[in-house]
Amino acid sequence: MAALESELRRRHERVSVTGPAALSVDGHTLGATIKDVSLGGVFLFSDAPFSAGAEVEIVLMLPKELGLECSKMVRCHGRVVRVEGSSGQFGIAAQIERIVDLPKGRPESSE
């Protein structure tokens, strides 16, 4: 029943995808690996734990499977909603509050 309730709360289609991401919080950036993504949230793995409620910035490739014309690099601003620990890796679920397209060839540039 909990899984059904979770699916009903979700407003955006979730796509399973594995790929790199850059995760930043409080001026610190580290690499992460995406597990799945939607236009409203992302679940990824990181070597460092984050606190629920923390504001994060994530640079990643949004796949065209989300209904986009083509895959594109974006900077997502959001908030950590859940953290799961497992064997040295931490699962981070973040709600995406804002998405900004990145200029081609400059994914690390700041706004």
C-alpha atoms as a PDB file:
ATOM      1  CA  MET A   1       0.000   0.000   0.000  1.00  0.00           C
ATOM      2  CA  ALA A   2       2.851   2.417   0.815  1.00  0.00           C
ATOM      3  CA  ALA A   3       4.337   1.915  -2.688  1.00  0.00           C
ATOM      4  CA  LEU A   4       0.963   2.732  -4.280  1.00  0.00           C
ATOM      5  CA  GLU A   5       0.615   5.881  -2.161  1.00  0.00           C
ATOM      6  CA  SER A   6       4.152   6.915  -3.148  1.00  0.00           C
ATOM      7  CA  GLU A   7       3.349   6.461  -6.852  1.00  0.00           C
ATOM      8  CA  LEU A   8       0.146   8.486  -6.503  1.00  0.00           C
ATOM      9  CA  ARG A   9       2.075  11.377  -4.879  1.00  0.00           C
ATOM     10  CA  ARG A  10       4.603  11.432  -7.719  1.00  0.00           C
ATOM     11  CA  ARG A  11       3.706  14.060 -10.332  1.00  0.00           C
ATOM     12  CA  HIS A  12       6.425  13.272 -12.865  1.00  0.00           C
ATOM     13  CA  GLU A  13       7.435  10.098 -14.666  1.00  0.00           C
ATOM     14  CA  ARG A  14      10.558   8.535 -13.178  1.00  0.00           C
ATOM     15  CA  VAL A  15      13.227   7.159 -15.527  1.00  0.00           C
ATOM     16  CA  SER A  16      15.861   4.628 -14.424  1.00  0.00           C
ATOM     17  CA  VAL A  17      19.218   5.874 -15.614  1.00  0.00           C
ATOM     18  CA  THR A  18      22.799   5.394 -14.516  1.00  0.00           C
ATOM     19  CA  GLY A  19      25.176   8.273 -15.022  1.00  0.00           C
ATOM     20  CA  PRO A  20      27.483  10.741 -13.353  1.00  0.00           C
ATOM     21  CA  ALA A  21      26.391  13.871 -11.524  1.00  0.00           C
ATOM     22  CA  ALA A  22      28.078  16.637  -9.542  1.00  0.00           C
ATOM     23  CA  LEU A  23      26.424  17.214  -6.165  1.00  0.00           C
ATOM     24  CA  SER A  24      27.092  20.474  -4.288  1.00  0.00           C
ATOM     25  CA  VAL A  25      26.075  21.575  -0.824  1.00  0.00           C
ATOM     26  CA  ASP A  26      27.483  24.424   1.261  1.00  0.00           C
ATOM     27  CA  GLY A  27      30.177  25.159  -1.328  1.00  0.00           C
ATOM     28  CA  HIS A  28      31.481  21.571  -1.404  1.00  0.00           C
ATOM     29  CA  THR A  29      31.153  19.552  -4.621  1.00  0.00           C
ATOM     30  CA  LEU A  30      31.588  15.825  -5.035  1.00  0.00           C
ATOM     31  CA  GLY A  31      30.815  13.195  -7.607  1.00  0.00           C
ATOM     32  CA  ALA A  32      27.670  11.119  -7.464  1.00  0.00           C
ATOM     33  CA  THR A  33      25.949   8.422  -9.522  1.00  0.00           C
ATOM     34  CA  ILE A  34      22.329   8.797 -10.599  1.00  0.00           C
ATOM     35  CA  LYS A  35      19.948   5.862 -10.090  1.00  0.00           C
ATOM     36  CA  ASP A  36      16.763   7.462 -11.385  1.00  0.00           C
ATOM     37  CA  VAL A  37      15.460  10.905 -12.241  1.00  0.00           C
ATOM     38  CA  SER A  38      12.241  12.757 -13.043  1.00  0.00           C
ATOM     39  CA  LEU A  39      11.462  16.405 -13.664  1.00  0.00           C
ATOM     40  CA  GLY A  40      10.499  16.614  -9.973  1.00  0.00           C
ATOM     41  CA  GLY A  41      13.246  14.657  -8.256  1.00  0.00           C
ATOM     42  CA  VAL A  42      16.364  12.528  -8.404  1.00  0.00           C
ATOM     43  CA  PHE A  43      17.791   9.582  -6.498  1.00  0.00           C
ATOM     44  CA  LEU A  44      21.558   9.224  -6.537  1.00  0.00           C
ATOM     45  CA  PHE A  45      24.421   7.623  -4.665  1.00  0.00           C
ATOM     46  CA  SER A  46      27.245   9.530  -2.990  1.00  0.00           C
ATOM     47  CA  ASP A  47      30.221   8.669  -0.786  1.00  0.00           C
ATOM     48  CA  ALA A  48      29.176  11.354   1.711  1.00  0.00           C
ATOM     49  CA  PRO A  49      26.016  11.601   3.794  1.00  0.00           C
ATOM     50  CA  PHE A  50      23.761  14.615   3.496  1.00  0.00           C
ATOM     51  CA  SER A  51      21.142  15.811   5.942  1.00  0.00           C
ATOM     52  CA  ALA A  52      17.463  15.712   5.073  1.00  0.00           C
ATOM     53  CA  GLY A  53      16.357  19.269   4.393  1.00  0.00           C
ATOM     54  CA  ALA A  54      19.763  20.371   3.043  1.00  0.00           C
ATOM     55  CA  GLU A  55      19.682  22.587  -0.045  1.00  0.00           C
ATOM     56  CA  VAL A  56      21.636  21.001  -2.906  1.00  0.00           C
ATOM     57  CA  GLU A  57      22.715  21.798  -6.430  1.00  0.00           C
ATOM     58  CA  ILE A  58      23.051  18.904  -8.864  1.00  0.00           C
ATOM     59  CA  VAL A  59      24.575  19.059 -12.334  1.00  0.00           C
ATOM     60  CA  LEU A  60      23.431  16.146 -14.484  1.00  0.00           C
ATOM     61  CA  MET A  61      22.249  15.044 -17.907  1.00  0.00           C
ATOM     62  CA  LEU A  62      18.447  14.897 -18.160  1.00  0.00           C
ATOM     63  CA  PRO A  63      17.524  12.063 -20.538  1.00  0.00           C
ATOM     64  CA  LYS A  64      15.198  12.621 -23.486  1.00  0.00           C
ATOM     65  CA  GLU A  65      13.051   9.774 -22.093  1.00  0.00           C
ATOM     66  CA  LEU A  66      11.540  12.386 -19.767  1.00  0.00           C
ATOM     67  CA  GLY A  67       9.691  13.789 -22.778  1.00  0.00           C
ATOM     68  CA  LEU A  68      12.400  16.257 -23.771  1.00  0.00           C
ATOM     69  CA  GLU A  69      13.346  16.957 -27.386  1.00  0.00           C
ATOM     70  CA  CYS A  70      16.860  15.720 -26.617  1.00  0.00           C
ATOM     71  CA  SER A  71      19.036  14.894 -23.611  1.00  0.00           C
ATOM     72  CA  LYS A  72      20.601  17.988 -22.042  1.00  0.00           C
ATOM     73  CA  MET A  73      22.916  19.097 -19.265  1.00  0.00           C
ATOM     74  CA  VAL A  74      21.159  20.979 -16.492  1.00  0.00           C
ATOM     75  CA  ARG A  75      21.770  22.435 -13.055  1.00  0.00           C
ATOM     76  CA  CYS A  76      19.033  21.427 -10.596  1.00  0.00           C
ATOM     77  CA  HIS A  77      18.405  23.289  -7.375  1.00  0.00           C
ATOM     78  CA  GLY A  78      16.590  21.281  -4.761  1.00  0.00           C
ATOM     79  CA  ARG A  79      16.326  19.878  -1.289  1.00  0.00           C
ATOM     80  CA  VAL A  80      17.307  16.495   0.207  1.00  0.00           C
ATOM     81  CA  VAL A  81      14.172  14.663   1.321  1.00  0.00           C
ATOM     82  CA  ARG A  82      15.656  11.288   2.337  1.00  0.00           C
ATOM     83  CA  VAL A  83      19.049   9.675   2.962  1.00  0.00           C
ATOM     84  CA  GLU A  84      19.695   5.918   2.996  1.00  0.00           C
ATOM     85  CA  GLY A  85      23.032   4.388   4.037  1.00  0.00           C
ATOM     86  CA  SER A  86      24.431   1.166   2.610  1.00  0.00           C
ATOM     87  CA  SER A  87      27.987  -0.216   2.604  1.00  0.00           C
ATOM     88  CA  GLY A  88      29.903   3.048   2.300  1.00  0.00           C
ATOM     89  CA  GLN A  89      27.508   4.567  -0.219  1.00  0.00           C
ATOM     90  CA  PHE A  90      24.634   6.850   0.694  1.00  0.00           C
ATOM     91  CA  GLY A  91      21.404   7.008  -1.282  1.00  0.00           C
ATOM     92  CA  ILE A  92      20.196  10.603  -1.595  1.00  0.00           C
ATOM     93  CA  ALA A  93      16.629  11.419  -2.636  1.00  0.00           C
ATOM     94  CA  ALA A  94      16.230  15.075  -3.593  1.00  0.00           C
ATOM     95  CA  GLN A  95      13.200  17.044  -4.663  1.00  0.00           C
ATOM     96  CA  ILE A  96      13.981  19.311  -7.617  1.00  0.00           C
ATOM     97  CA  GLU A  97      12.666  22.838  -7.141  1.00  0.00           C
ATOM     98  CA  ARG A  98      14.262  24.535 -10.166  1.00  0.00           C
ATOM     99  CA  ILE A  99      16.037  23.404 -13.340  1.00  0.00           C
ATOM    100  CA  VAL A 100      18.394  25.603 -15.361  1.00  0.00           C
ATOM    101  CA  ASP A 101      19.742  24.560 -18.782  1.00  0.00           C
ATOM    102  CA  LEU A 102      23.530  24.742 -19.002  1.00  0.00           C
ATOM    103  CA  PRO A 103      25.324  26.183 -22.010  1.00  0.00           C
ATOM    104  CA  LYS A 104      26.856  23.439 -24.145  1.00  0.00           C
ATOM    105  CA  GLY A 105      30.475  22.763 -23.291  1.00  0.00           C
ATOM    106  CA  ARG A 106      30.429  24.560 -19.877  1.00  0.00           C
ATOM    107  CA  PRO A 107      28.645  22.318 -17.307  1.00  0.00           C
ATOM    108  CA  GLU A 108      30.704  23.578 -14.369  1.00  0.00           C
ATOM    109  CA  SER A 109      29.884  27.266 -14.834  1.00  0.00           C
ATOM    110  CA  SER A 110      27.938  28.973 -12.080  1.00  0.00           C
ATOM    111  CA  GLU A 111      24.881  31.179 -12.491  1.00  0.00           C
END
